[in-house]
């Protein structure tokens, strides 16, 4: 009986698919915007409270907790952040950054900026 168990342990991994790195790969370029103080303390779609000063973002398809690098195409500045909300809810935008994250890559006065994003 024990011999059968060890044989199963050797053969089973051949039939269990392993998660590949490609399954987590994601990158895109497009328009980014920001949201801030008016949502301070409200619950995000993930259930955590929003902090305008945090390094977080809203994305339509990436899972909550995903780490993302966002690079401003105009100046090359980048920020690494975590997805904790669903959005953006404005067509033509690929990601909404918290105010704190947006400040790292652009001036808030711009409102929107062209970015490239990549899941880490």
PDB file of N, CA and C in Angstrom:
ATOM      1  N   UNK A   1       0.827  -1.190   0.000  1.00  0.00           N
ATOM      2  CA  UNK A   1       0.000   0.000   0.000  1.00  0.00           C
ATOM      3  C   UNK A   1       0.875   1.259   0.000  1.00  0.00           C
ATOM      4  N   UNK A   2       1.888   1.269   0.851  1.00  0.00           N
ATOM      5  CA  UNK A   2       2.784   2.421   0.926  1.00  0.00           C
ATOM      6  C   UNK A   2       3.531   2.598  -0.388  1.00  0.00           C
ATOM      7  N   UNK A   3       3.893   1.490  -1.014  1.00  0.00           N
ATOM      8  CA  UNK A   3       4.583   1.529  -2.300  1.00  0.00           C
ATOM      9  C   UNK A   3       3.703   2.211  -3.364  1.00  0.00           C
ATOM     10  N   UNK A   4       2.407   1.932  -3.361  1.00  0.00           N
ATOM     11  CA  UNK A   4       1.460   2.543  -4.307  1.00  0.00           C
ATOM     12  C   UNK A   4       1.352   4.046  -4.076  1.00  0.00           C
ATOM     13  N   UNK A   5       1.383   4.432  -2.801  1.00  0.00           N
ATOM     14  CA  UNK A   5       1.310   5.854  -2.478  1.00  0.00           C
ATOM     15  C   UNK A   5       2.513   6.607  -3.050  1.00  0.00           C
ATOM     16  N   UNK A   6       3.712   6.049  -2.877  1.00  0.00           N
ATOM     17  CA  UNK A   6       4.910   6.695  -3.404  1.00  0.00           C
ATOM     18  C   UNK A   6       4.900   6.741  -4.923  1.00  0.00           C
ATOM     19  N   UNK A   7       4.392   5.709  -5.549  1.00  0.00           N
ATOM     20  CA  UNK A   7       4.287   5.689  -7.010  1.00  0.00           C
ATOM     21  C   UNK A   7       3.342   6.802  -7.477  1.00  0.00           C
ATOM     22  N   UNK A   8       2.232   6.973  -6.760  1.00  0.00           N
ATOM     23  CA  UNK A   8       1.282   8.034  -7.088  1.00  0.00           C
ATOM     24  C   UNK A   8       1.933   9.409  -6.935  1.00  0.00           C
ATOM     25  N   UNK A   9       2.728   9.570  -5.889  1.00  0.00           N
ATOM     26  CA  UNK A   9       3.413  10.851  -5.654  1.00  0.00           C
ATOM     27  C   UNK A   9       4.385  11.173  -6.779  1.00  0.00           C
ATOM     28  N   UNK A  10       4.964  10.156  -7.396  1.00  0.00           N
ATOM     29  CA  UNK A  10       5.901  10.373  -8.499  1.00  0.00           C
ATOM     30  C   UNK A  10       5.194  10.664  -9.817  1.00  0.00           C
ATOM     31  N   UNK A  11       4.027  10.066 -10.034  1.00  0.00           N
ATOM     32  CA  UNK A  11       3.326  10.178 -11.309  1.00  0.00           C
ATOM     33  C   UNK A  11       2.350  11.358 -11.329  1.00  0.00           C
ATOM     34  N   UNK A  12       1.722  11.661 -10.213  1.00  0.00           N
ATOM     35  CA  UNK A  12       0.687  12.695 -10.160  1.00  0.00           C
ATOM     36  C   UNK A  12       1.135  14.051 -10.691  1.00  0.00           C
ATOM     37  N   UNK A  13       2.352  14.517 -10.370  1.00  0.00           N
ATOM     38  CA  UNK A  13       2.754  15.833 -10.875  1.00  0.00           C
ATOM     39  C   UNK A  13       2.774  15.928 -12.401  1.00  0.00           C
ATOM     40  N   UNK A  14       2.869  14.813 -13.071  1.00  0.00           N
ATOM     41  CA  UNK A  14       2.867  14.833 -14.536  1.00  0.00           C
ATOM     42  C   UNK A  14       1.507  15.226 -15.090  1.00  0.00           C
ATOM     43  N   UNK A  15       0.455  15.049 -14.301  1.00  0.00           N
ATOM     44  CA  UNK A  15      -0.900  15.320 -14.762  1.00  0.00           C
ATOM     45  C   UNK A  15      -1.501  16.587 -14.169  1.00  0.00           C
ATOM     46  N   UNK A  16      -0.772  17.225 -13.287  1.00  0.00           N
ATOM     47  CA  UNK A  16      -1.256  18.459 -12.665  1.00  0.00           C
ATOM     48  C   UNK A  16      -0.576  19.626 -13.357  1.00  0.00           C
ATOM     49  N   UNK A  17      -1.361  20.459 -14.075  1.00  0.00           N
ATOM     50  CA  UNK A  17      -0.724  21.587 -14.771  1.00  0.00           C
ATOM     51  C   UNK A  17      -0.127  22.582 -13.788  1.00  0.00           C
ATOM     52  N   UNK A  18       1.038  23.049 -14.096  1.00  0.00           N
ATOM     53  CA  UNK A  18       1.707  24.056 -13.272  1.00  0.00           C
ATOM     54  C   UNK A  18       1.395  25.427 -13.827  1.00  0.00           C
ATOM     55  N   UNK A  19       1.228  26.401 -12.959  1.00  0.00           N
ATOM     56  CA  UNK A  19       0.978  27.768 -13.401  1.00  0.00           C
ATOM     57  C   UNK A  19       2.237  28.309 -14.057  1.00  0.00           C
ATOM     58  N   UNK A  20       2.100  28.812 -15.243  1.00  0.00           N
ATOM     59  CA  UNK A  20       3.261  29.351 -15.946  1.00  0.00           C
ATOM     60  C   UNK A  20       3.364  30.845 -15.699  1.00  0.00           C
ATOM     61  N   UNK A  21       4.541  31.371 -15.902  1.00  0.00           N
ATOM     62  CA  UNK A  21       4.750  32.810 -15.766  1.00  0.00           C
ATOM     63  C   UNK A  21       3.924  33.568 -16.794  1.00  0.00           C
ATOM     64  N   UNK A  22       3.727  32.970 -17.991  1.00  0.00           N
ATOM     65  CA  UNK A  22       2.959  33.659 -19.020  1.00  0.00           C
ATOM     66  C   UNK A  22       1.518  33.896 -18.585  1.00  0.00           C
ATOM     67  N   UNK A  23       0.997  33.022 -17.730  1.00  0.00           N
ATOM     68  CA  UNK A  23      -0.381  33.177 -17.277  1.00  0.00           C
ATOM     69  C   UNK A  23      -0.550  34.479 -16.497  1.00  0.00           C
ATOM     70  N   UNK A  24       0.524  34.976 -15.903  1.00  0.00           N
ATOM     71  CA  UNK A  24       0.446  36.199 -15.122  1.00  0.00           C
ATOM     72  C   UNK A  24       0.935  37.423 -15.892  1.00  0.00           C
ATOM     73  N   UNK A  25       1.492  37.214 -17.077  1.00  0.00           N
ATOM     74  CA  UNK A  25       2.039  38.323 -17.853  1.00  0.00           C
ATOM     75  C   UNK A  25       0.910  39.227 -18.331  1.00  0.00           C
ATOM     76  N   UNK A  26       1.103  40.509 -18.188  1.00  0.00           N
ATOM     77  CA  UNK A  26       0.140  41.493 -18.677  1.00  0.00           C
ATOM     78  C   UNK A  26       0.880  42.794 -18.893  1.00  0.00           C
ATOM     79  N   UNK A  27       0.646  43.413 -20.013  1.00  0.00           N
ATOM     80  CA  UNK A  27       1.167  44.756 -20.253  1.00  0.00           C
ATOM     81  C   UNK A  27       0.228  45.467 -21.212  1.00  0.00           C
ATOM     82  N   UNK A  28       0.180  46.774 -21.086  1.00  0.00           N
ATOM     83  CA  UNK A  28      -0.682  47.587 -21.942  1.00  0.00           C
ATOM     84  C   UNK A  28      -0.226  49.043 -21.872  1.00  0.00           C
ATOM     85  N   UNK A  29      -0.559  49.788 -22.884  1.00  0.00           N
ATOM     86  CA  UNK A  29      -0.305  51.231 -22.901  1.00  0.00           C
ATOM     87  C   UNK A  29      -1.618  51.944 -23.194  1.00  0.00           C
ATOM     88  N   UNK A  30      -1.782  53.097 -22.573  1.00  0.00           N
ATOM     89  CA  UNK A  30      -3.006  53.868 -22.778  1.00  0.00           C
ATOM     90  C   UNK A  30      -3.054  55.047 -21.826  1.00  0.00           C
ATOM     91  N   UNK A  31      -4.247  55.533 -21.591  1.00  0.00           N
ATOM     92  CA  UNK A  31      -4.449  56.722 -20.769  1.00  0.00           C
ATOM     93  C   UNK A  31      -4.749  56.341 -19.323  1.00  0.00           C
ATOM     94  N   UNK A  32      -4.117  57.069 -18.419  1.00  0.00           N
ATOM     95  CA  UNK A  32      -4.330  56.885 -16.985  1.00  0.00           C
ATOM     96  C   UNK A  32      -4.868  58.169 -16.387  1.00  0.00           C
ATOM     97  N   UNK A  33      -5.693  58.029 -15.373  1.00  0.00           N
ATOM     98  CA  UNK A  33      -6.192  59.181 -14.624  1.00  0.00           C
ATOM     99  C   UNK A  33      -5.969  58.900 -13.142  1.00  0.00           C
ATOM    100  N   UNK A  34      -6.431  59.803 -12.294  1.00  0.00           N
ATOM    101  CA  UNK A  34      -6.259  59.613 -10.862  1.00  0.00           C
ATOM    102  C   UNK A  34      -7.541  59.941 -10.116  1.00  0.00           C
ATOM    103  N   UNK A  35      -7.655  59.391  -8.911  1.00  0.00           N
ATOM    104  CA  UNK A  35      -8.762  59.744  -8.034  1.00  0.00           C
ATOM    105  C   UNK A  35      -8.227  59.904  -6.626  1.00  0.00           C
ATOM    106  N   UNK A  36      -8.867  60.771  -5.850  1.00  0.00           N
ATOM    107  CA  UNK A  36      -8.249  61.142  -4.587  1.00  0.00           C
ATOM    108  C   UNK A  36      -9.182  61.378  -3.422  1.00  0.00           C
ATOM    109  N   UNK A  37      -9.033  62.564  -2.818  1.00  0.00           N
ATOM    110  CA  UNK A  37      -9.621  62.884  -1.517  1.00  0.00           C
ATOM    111  C   UNK A  37     -11.125  62.644  -1.429  1.00  0.00           C
ATOM    112  N   UNK A  38     -11.841  62.812  -2.522  1.00  0.00           N
ATOM    113  CA  UNK A  38     -13.298  62.642  -2.455  1.00  0.00           C
ATOM    114  C   UNK A  38     -13.698  61.198  -2.136  1.00  0.00           C
ATOM    115  N   UNK A  39     -12.765  60.254  -2.308  1.00  0.00           N
ATOM    116  CA  UNK A  39     -13.038  58.849  -2.011  1.00  0.00           C
ATOM    117  C   UNK A  39     -12.325  58.366  -0.739  1.00  0.00           C
ATOM    118  N   UNK A  40     -11.624  59.264  -0.084  1.00  0.00           N
ATOM    119  CA  UNK A  40     -10.844  58.921   1.122  1.00  0.00           C
ATOM    120  C   UNK A  40     -11.710  58.177   2.139  1.00  0.00           C
ATOM    121  N   UNK A  41     -11.218  57.015   2.578  1.00  0.00           N
ATOM    122  CA  UNK A  41     -11.906  56.244   3.605  1.00  0.00           C
ATOM    123  C   UNK A  41     -13.029  55.359   3.113  1.00  0.00           C
ATOM    124  N   UNK A  42     -13.467  55.543   1.869  1.00  0.00           N
ATOM    125  CA  UNK A  42     -14.534  54.690   1.335  1.00  0.00           C
ATOM    126  C   UNK A  42     -13.972  53.313   1.009  1.00  0.00           C
ATOM    127  N   UNK A  43     -14.820  52.324   0.998  1.00  0.00           N
ATOM    128  CA  UNK A  43     -14.406  50.963   0.674  1.00  0.00           C
ATOM    129  C   UNK A  43     -14.178  50.824  -0.831  1.00  0.00           C
ATOM    130  N   UNK A  44     -13.059  50.198  -1.173  1.00  0.00           N
ATOM    131  CA  UNK A  44     -12.794  49.888  -2.569  1.00  0.00           C
ATOM    132  C   UNK A  44     -13.509  48.580  -2.908  1.00  0.00           C
ATOM    133  N   UNK A  45     -13.464  48.187  -4.177  1.00  0.00           N
ATOM    134  CA  UNK A  45     -14.110  46.941  -4.590  1.00  0.00           C
ATOM    135  C   UNK A  45     -13.495  45.729  -3.881  1.00  0.00           C
ATOM    136  N   UNK A  46     -12.235  45.847  -3.441  1.00  0.00           N
ATOM    137  CA  UNK A  46     -11.586  44.736  -2.732  1.00  0.00           C
ATOM    138  C   UNK A  46     -12.016  44.675  -1.267  1.00  0.00           C
ATOM    139  N   UNK A  47     -12.689  45.721  -0.794  1.00  0.00           N
ATOM    140  CA  UNK A  47     -13.144  45.748   0.595  1.00  0.00           C
ATOM    141  C   UNK A  47     -12.277  46.586   1.517  1.00  0.00           C
ATOM    142  N   UNK A  48     -11.075  46.946   1.068  1.00  0.00           N
ATOM    143  CA  UNK A  48     -10.223  47.771   1.926  1.00  0.00           C
ATOM    144  C   UNK A  48     -10.596  49.238   1.778  1.00  0.00           C
ATOM    145  N   UNK A  49     -10.207  50.025   2.745  1.00  0.00           N
ATOM    146  CA  UNK A  49     -10.505  51.461   2.698  1.00  0.00           C
ATOM    147  C   UNK A  49      -9.516  52.168   1.780  1.00  0.00           C
ATOM    148  N   UNK A  50     -10.043  53.100   0.989  1.00  0.00           N
ATOM    149  CA  UNK A  50      -9.215  53.846   0.049  1.00  0.00           C
ATOM    150  C   UNK A  50      -8.414  54.905   0.779  1.00  0.00           C
ATOM    151  N   UNK A  51      -7.138  55.024   0.414  1.00  0.00           N
ATOM    152  CA  UNK A  51      -6.278  56.093   0.904  1.00  0.00           C
ATOM    153  C   UNK A  51      -5.739  56.834  -0.311  1.00  0.00           C
ATOM    154  N   UNK A  52      -6.055  58.114  -0.411  1.00  0.00           N
ATOM    155  CA  UNK A  52      -5.609  58.913  -1.558  1.00  0.00           C
ATOM    156  C   UNK A  52      -4.083  58.957  -1.634  1.00  0.00           C
ATOM    157  N   UNK A  53      -3.412  58.809  -0.505  1.00  0.00           N
ATOM    158  CA  UNK A  53      -1.957  58.916  -0.473  1.00  0.00           C
ATOM    159  C   UNK A  53      -1.249  57.575  -0.688  1.00  0.00           C
ATOM    160  N   UNK A  54      -2.018  56.494  -0.757  1.00  0.00           N
ATOM    161  CA  UNK A  54      -1.433  55.176  -0.960  1.00  0.00           C
ATOM    162  C   UNK A  54      -0.970  54.975  -2.398  1.00  0.00           C
ATOM    163  N   UNK A  55      -0.250  53.903  -2.615  1.00  0.00           N
ATOM    164  CA  UNK A  55       0.224  53.560  -3.958  1.00  0.00           C
ATOM    165  C   UNK A  55      -0.623  52.403  -4.468  1.00  0.00           C
ATOM    166  N   UNK A  56      -1.852  52.755  -4.888  1.00  0.00           N
ATOM    167  CA  UNK A  56      -2.820  51.765  -5.331  1.00  0.00           C
ATOM    168  C   UNK A  56      -3.458  52.214  -6.634  1.00  0.00           C
ATOM    169  N   UNK A  57      -4.246  51.307  -7.223  1.00  0.00           N
ATOM    170  CA  UNK A  57      -4.892  51.613  -8.498  1.00  0.00           C
ATOM    171  C   UNK A  57      -6.154  50.799  -8.676  1.00  0.00           C
ATOM    172  N   UNK A  58      -6.962  51.245  -9.624  1.00  0.00           N
ATOM    173  CA  UNK A  58      -8.147  50.511 -10.062  1.00  0.00           C
ATOM    174  C   UNK A  58      -7.892  50.005 -11.478  1.00  0.00           C
ATOM    175  N   UNK A  59      -8.185  48.727 -11.696  1.00  0.00           N
ATOM    176  CA  UNK A  59      -8.009  48.129 -13.023  1.00  0.00           C
ATOM    177  C   UNK A  59      -9.168  47.185 -13.287  1.00  0.00           C
ATOM    178  N   UNK A  60      -9.572  47.086 -14.555  1.00  0.00           N
ATOM    179  CA  UNK A  60     -10.739  46.279 -14.909  1.00  0.00           C
ATOM    180  C   UNK A  60     -10.511  44.773 -14.850  1.00  0.00           C
ATOM    181  N   UNK A  61      -9.319  44.313 -15.227  1.00  0.00           N
ATOM    182  CA  UNK A  61      -9.146  42.861 -15.353  1.00  0.00           C
ATOM    183  C   UNK A  61      -8.081  42.252 -14.442  1.00  0.00           C
ATOM    184  N   UNK A  62      -7.159  43.030 -13.939  1.00  0.00           N
ATOM    185  CA  UNK A  62      -6.140  42.471 -13.052  1.00  0.00           C
ATOM    186  C   UNK A  62      -6.752  42.166 -11.683  1.00  0.00           C
ATOM    187  N   UNK A  63      -6.323  41.085 -11.051  1.00  0.00           N
ATOM    188  CA  UNK A  63      -6.910  40.724  -9.754  1.00  0.00           C
ATOM    189  C   UNK A  63      -6.438  41.656  -8.639  1.00  0.00           C
ATOM    190  N   UNK A  64      -7.259  41.753  -7.609  1.00  0.00           N
ATOM    191  CA  UNK A  64      -6.878  42.539  -6.440  1.00  0.00           C
ATOM    192  C   UNK A  64      -5.588  41.958  -5.874  1.00  0.00           C
ATOM    193  N   UNK A  65      -4.688  42.845  -5.489  1.00  0.00           N
ATOM    194  CA  UNK A  65      -3.411  42.426  -4.946  1.00  0.00           C
ATOM    195  C   UNK A  65      -2.296  42.345  -5.976  1.00  0.00           C
ATOM    196  N   UNK A  66      -2.642  42.401  -7.259  1.00  0.00           N
ATOM    197  CA  UNK A  66      -1.615  42.337  -8.308  1.00  0.00           C
ATOM    198  C   UNK A  66      -0.699  43.553  -8.195  1.00  0.00           C
ATOM    199  N   UNK A  67       0.605  43.314  -8.314  1.00  0.00           N
ATOM    200  CA  UNK A  67       1.592  44.399  -8.323  1.00  0.00           C
ATOM    201  C   UNK A  67       1.791  44.831  -9.770  1.00  0.00           C
ATOM    202  N   UNK A  68       1.837  46.135  -9.989  1.00  0.00           N
ATOM    203  CA  UNK A  68       1.927  46.695 -11.335  1.00  0.00           C
ATOM    204  C   UNK A  68       2.957  47.820 -11.355  1.00  0.00           C
ATOM    205  N   UNK A  69       3.763  47.870 -12.404  1.00  0.00           N
ATOM    206  CA  UNK A  69       4.651  49.012 -12.625  1.00  0.00           C
ATOM    207  C   UNK A  69       3.980  49.883 -13.678  1.00  0.00           C
ATOM    208  N   UNK A  70       3.857  51.173 -13.369  1.00  0.00           N
ATOM    209  CA  UNK A  70       3.246  52.147 -14.277  1.00  0.00           C
ATOM    210  C   UNK A  70       4.324  53.139 -14.677  1.00  0.00           C
ATOM    211  N   UNK A  71       4.532  53.325 -15.982  1.00  0.00           N
ATOM    212  CA  UNK A  71       5.563  54.229 -16.494  1.00  0.00           C
ATOM    213  C   UNK A  71       4.893  55.326 -17.315  1.00  0.00           C
ATOM    214  N   UNK A  72       5.167  56.571 -16.955  1.00  0.00           N
ATOM    215  CA  UNK A  72       4.682  57.722 -17.714  1.00  0.00           C
ATOM    216  C   UNK A  72       5.456  57.780 -19.024  1.00  0.00           C
ATOM    217  N   UNK A  73       4.759  57.731 -20.158  1.00  0.00           N
ATOM    218  CA  UNK A  73       5.425  57.724 -21.454  1.00  0.00           C
ATOM    219  C   UNK A  73       6.102  59.050 -21.773  1.00  0.00           C
ATOM    220  N   UNK A  74       5.620  60.140 -21.206  1.00  0.00           N
ATOM    221  CA  UNK A  74       6.170  61.459 -21.528  1.00  0.00           C
ATOM    222  C   UNK A  74       7.498  61.738 -20.820  1.00  0.00           C
ATOM    223  N   UNK A  75       7.628  61.276 -19.559  1.00  0.00           N
ATOM    224  CA  UNK A  75       8.834  61.637 -18.804  1.00  0.00           C
ATOM    225  C   UNK A  75       9.624  60.434 -18.276  1.00  0.00           C
ATOM    226  N   UNK A  76       9.120  59.229 -18.471  1.00  0.00           N
ATOM    227  CA  UNK A  76       9.834  58.035 -18.049  1.00  0.00           C
ATOM    228  C   UNK A  76       9.757  57.715 -16.568  1.00  0.00           C
ATOM    229  N   UNK A  77       9.086  58.572 -15.779  1.00  0.00           N
ATOM    230  CA  UNK A  77       8.956  58.303 -14.348  1.00  0.00           C
ATOM    231  C   UNK A  77       8.040  57.109 -14.124  1.00  0.00           C
ATOM    232  N   UNK A  78       8.341  56.323 -13.086  1.00  0.00           N
ATOM    233  CA  UNK A  78       7.549  55.121 -12.845  1.00  0.00           C
ATOM    234  C   UNK A  78       7.186  54.984 -11.373  1.00  0.00           C
ATOM    235  N   UNK A  79       6.177  54.164 -11.126  1.00  0.00           N
ATOM    236  CA  UNK A  79       5.742  53.842  -9.778  1.00  0.00           C
ATOM    237  C   UNK A  79       5.301  52.381  -9.775  1.00  0.00           C
ATOM    238  N   UNK A  80       5.590  51.698  -8.679  1.00  0.00           N
ATOM    239  CA  UNK A  80       5.094  50.341  -8.489  1.00  0.00           C
ATOM    240  C   UNK A  80       3.960  50.417  -7.484  1.00  0.00           C
ATOM    241  N   UNK A  81       2.842  49.806  -7.806  1.00  0.00           N
ATOM    242  CA  UNK A  81       1.658  49.907  -6.960  1.00  0.00           C
ATOM    243  C   UNK A  81       0.909  48.592  -6.928  1.00  0.00           C
ATOM    244  N   UNK A  82      -0.190  48.588  -6.197  1.00  0.00           N
ATOM    245  CA  UNK A  82      -1.006  47.393  -6.009  1.00  0.00           C
ATOM    246  C   UNK A  82      -2.433  47.684  -6.439  1.00  0.00           C
ATOM    247  N   UNK A  83      -3.047  46.764  -7.172  1.00  0.00           N
ATOM    248  CA  UNK A  83      -4.445  46.910  -7.595  1.00  0.00           C
ATOM    249  C   UNK A  83      -5.342  46.548  -6.415  1.00  0.00           C
ATOM    250  N   UNK A  84      -6.241  47.475  -6.056  1.00  0.00           N
ATOM    251  CA  UNK A  84      -7.173  47.198  -4.965  1.00  0.00           C
ATOM    252  C   UNK A  84      -8.598  47.651  -5.273  1.00  0.00           C
ATOM    253  N   UNK A  85      -8.838  48.042  -6.530  1.00  0.00           N
ATOM    254  CA  UNK A  85     -10.169  48.547  -6.880  1.00  0.00           C
ATOM    255  C   UNK A  85     -10.491  48.177  -8.319  1.00  0.00           C
ATOM    256  N   UNK A  86     -11.753  48.283  -8.660  1.00  0.00           N
ATOM    257  CA  UNK A  86     -12.231  47.987 -10.003  1.00  0.00           C
ATOM    258  C   UNK A  86     -12.447  49.305 -10.742  1.00  0.00           C
ATOM    259  N   UNK A  87     -12.005  49.382 -11.961  1.00  0.00           N
ATOM    260  CA  UNK A  87     -12.164  50.592 -12.752  1.00  0.00           C
ATOM    261  C   UNK A  87     -11.066  50.639 -13.790  1.00  0.00           C
ATOM    262  N   UNK A  88     -10.873  51.701 -14.472  1.00  0.00           N
ATOM    263  CA  UNK A  88     -11.622  52.954 -14.411  1.00  0.00           C
ATOM    264  C   UNK A  88     -13.013  52.816 -15.041  1.00  0.00           C
ATOM    265  N   UNK A  89     -13.873  53.723 -14.659  1.00  0.00           N
ATOM    266  CA  UNK A  89     -15.247  53.702 -15.145  1.00  0.00           C
ATOM    267  C   UNK A  89     -15.487  54.781 -16.189  1.00  0.00           C
ATOM    268  N   UNK A  90     -14.421  55.219 -16.835  1.00  0.00           N
ATOM    269  CA  UNK A  90     -14.488  56.187 -17.936  1.00  0.00           C
ATOM    270  C   UNK A  90     -13.873  55.493 -19.151  1.00  0.00           C
ATOM    271  N   UNK A  91     -14.587  55.485 -20.258  1.00  0.00           N
ATOM    272  CA  UNK A  91     -14.065  54.781 -21.432  1.00  0.00           C
ATOM    273  C   UNK A  91     -12.785  55.448 -21.934  1.00  0.00           C
ATOM    274  N   UNK A  92     -11.910  54.629 -22.497  1.00  0.00           N
ATOM    275  CA  UNK A  92     -10.665  55.136 -23.045  1.00  0.00           C
ATOM    276  C   UNK A  92      -9.512  55.164 -22.061  1.00  0.00           C
ATOM    277  N   UNK A  93      -9.763  54.819 -20.809  1.00  0.00           N
ATOM    278  CA  UNK A  93      -8.698  54.794 -19.803  1.00  0.00           C
ATOM    279  C   UNK A  93      -8.407  53.362 -19.413  1.00  0.00           C
ATOM    280  N   UNK A  94      -7.119  53.060 -19.199  1.00  0.00           N
ATOM    281  CA  UNK A  94      -6.759  51.687 -18.876  1.00  0.00           C
ATOM    282  C   UNK A  94      -6.532  51.451 -17.391  1.00  0.00           C
ATOM    283  N   UNK A  95      -6.267  52.523 -16.633  1.00  0.00           N
ATOM    284  CA  UNK A  95      -6.005  52.382 -15.198  1.00  0.00           C
ATOM    285  C   UNK A  95      -6.275  53.707 -14.506  1.00  0.00           C
ATOM    286  N   UNK A  96      -6.802  53.636 -13.281  1.00  0.00           N
ATOM    287  CA  UNK A  96      -6.978  54.809 -12.418  1.00  0.00           C
ATOM    288  C   UNK A  96      -6.005  54.668 -11.261  1.00  0.00           C
ATOM    289  N   UNK A  97      -5.165  55.668 -11.077  1.00  0.00           N
ATOM    290  CA  UNK A  97      -4.184  55.643  -9.993  1.00  0.00           C
ATOM    291  C   UNK A  97      -4.694  56.435  -8.802  1.00  0.00           C
ATOM    292  N   UNK A  98      -4.285  56.038  -7.620  1.00  0.00           N
ATOM    293  CA  UNK A  98      -4.557  56.871  -6.451  1.00  0.00           C
ATOM    294  C   UNK A  98      -3.783  58.178  -6.633  1.00  0.00           C
ATOM    295  N   UNK A  99      -4.210  59.200  -5.931  1.00  0.00           N
ATOM    296  CA  UNK A  99      -3.532  60.494  -6.018  1.00  0.00           C
ATOM    297  C   UNK A  99      -2.044  60.360  -5.713  1.00  0.00           C
ATOM    298  N   UNK A 100      -1.714  59.602  -4.684  1.00  0.00           N
ATOM    299  CA  UNK A 100      -0.317  59.412  -4.297  1.00  0.00           C
ATOM    300  C   UNK A 100       0.516  58.767  -5.381  1.00  0.00           C
ATOM    301  N   UNK A 101      -0.062  57.780  -6.065  1.00  0.00           N
ATOM    302  CA  UNK A 101       0.652  57.107  -7.152  1.00  0.00           C
ATOM    303  C   UNK A 101       0.815  58.030  -8.351  1.00  0.00           C
ATOM    304  N   UNK A 102      -0.238  58.771  -8.686  1.00  0.00           N
ATOM    305  CA  UNK A 102      -0.178  59.664  -9.843  1.00  0.00           C
ATOM    306  C   UNK A 102       0.865  60.756  -9.628  1.00  0.00           C
ATOM    307  N   UNK A 103       0.934  61.288  -8.405  1.00  0.00           N
ATOM    308  CA  UNK A 103       1.927  62.334  -8.088  1.00  0.00           C
ATOM    309  C   UNK A 103       3.358  61.866  -8.363  1.00  0.00           C
ATOM    310  N   UNK A 104       3.619  60.570  -8.207  1.00  0.00           N
ATOM    311  CA  UNK A 104       4.964  60.037  -8.433  1.00  0.00           C
ATOM    312  C   UNK A 104       5.386  60.101  -9.894  1.00  0.00           C
ATOM    313  N   UNK A 105       4.401  60.112 -10.808  1.00  0.00           N
ATOM    314  CA  UNK A 105       4.754  60.060 -12.231  1.00  0.00           C
ATOM    315  C   UNK A 105       4.352  61.299 -13.022  1.00  0.00           C
ATOM    316  N   UNK A 106       3.454  62.142 -12.470  1.00  0.00           N
ATOM    317  CA  UNK A 106       2.969  63.305 -13.220  1.00  0.00           C
ATOM    318  C   UNK A 106       2.397  64.352 -12.274  1.00  0.00           C
ATOM    319  N   UNK A 107       2.123  65.509 -12.816  1.00  0.00           N
ATOM    320  CA  UNK A 107       1.484  66.577 -12.068  1.00  0.00           C
ATOM    321  C   UNK A 107      -0.022  66.319 -12.009  1.00  0.00           C
ATOM    322  N   UNK A 108      -0.611  66.517 -10.832  1.00  0.00           N
ATOM    323  CA  UNK A 108      -2.050  66.297 -10.695  1.00  0.00           C
ATOM    324  C   UNK A 108      -2.846  67.178 -11.642  1.00  0.00           C
ATOM    325  N   UNK A 109      -2.308  68.355 -11.940  1.00  0.00           N
ATOM    326  CA  UNK A 109      -2.997  69.289 -12.832  1.00  0.00           C
ATOM    327  C   UNK A 109      -3.228  68.735 -14.226  1.00  0.00           C
ATOM    328  N   UNK A 110      -2.403  67.784 -14.627  1.00  0.00           N
ATOM    329  CA  UNK A 110      -2.593  67.162 -15.936  1.00  0.00           C
ATOM    330  C   UNK A 110      -3.909  66.400 -15.995  1.00  0.00           C
ATOM    331  N   UNK A 111      -4.283  65.800 -14.882  1.00  0.00           N
ATOM    332  CA  UNK A 111      -5.512  65.013 -14.842  1.00  0.00           C
ATOM    333  C   UNK A 111      -5.363  63.622 -15.441  1.00  0.00           C
ATOM    334  N   UNK A 112      -4.835  63.551 -16.635  1.00  0.00           N
ATOM    335  CA  UNK A 112      -4.589  62.278 -17.315  1.00  0.00           C
ATOM    336  C   UNK A 112      -3.216  62.302 -17.931  1.00  0.00           C
ATOM    337  N   UNK A 113      -2.649  61.115 -18.158  1.00  0.00           N
ATOM    338  CA  UNK A 113      -1.361  61.010 -18.838  1.00  0.00           C
ATOM    339  C   UNK A 113      -1.274  59.656 -19.511  1.00  0.00           C
ATOM    340  N   UNK A 114      -0.451  59.600 -20.549  1.00  0.00           N
ATOM    341  CA  UNK A 114      -0.230  58.347 -21.272  1.00  0.00           C
ATOM    342  C   UNK A 114       0.772  57.507 -20.492  1.00  0.00           C
ATOM    343  N   UNK A 115       0.424  56.240 -20.256  1.00  0.00           N
ATOM    344  CA  UNK A 115       1.279  55.343 -19.485  1.00  0.00           C
ATOM    345  C   UNK A 115       1.378  53.984 -20.166  1.00  0.00           C
ATOM    346  N   UNK A 116       2.395  53.244 -19.768  1.00  0.00           N
ATOM    347  CA  UNK A 116       2.487  51.826 -20.063  1.00  0.00           C
ATOM    348  C   UNK A 116       2.501  51.116 -18.727  1.00  0.00           C
ATOM    349  N   UNK A 117       1.755  50.031 -18.630  1.00  0.00           N
ATOM    350  CA  UNK A 117       1.686  49.284 -17.374  1.00  0.00           C
ATOM    351  C   UNK A 117       2.114  47.849 -17.623  1.00  0.00           C
ATOM    352  N   UNK A 118       2.726  47.255 -16.614  1.00  0.00           N
ATOM    353  CA  UNK A 118       3.142  45.855 -16.691  1.00  0.00           C
ATOM    354  C   UNK A 118       2.945  45.210 -15.334  1.00  0.00           C
ATOM    355  N   UNK A 119       2.334  44.041 -15.343  1.00  0.00           N
ATOM    356  CA  UNK A 119       2.171  43.290 -14.095  1.00  0.00           C
ATOM    357  C   UNK A 119       3.515  42.700 -13.705  1.00  0.00           C
ATOM    358  N   UNK A 120       3.844  42.814 -12.437  1.00  0.00           N
ATOM    359  CA  UNK A 120       5.111  42.282 -11.928  1.00  0.00           C
ATOM    360  C   UNK A 120       4.924  40.894 -11.353  1.00  0.00           C
TER     361      UNK A 120
END
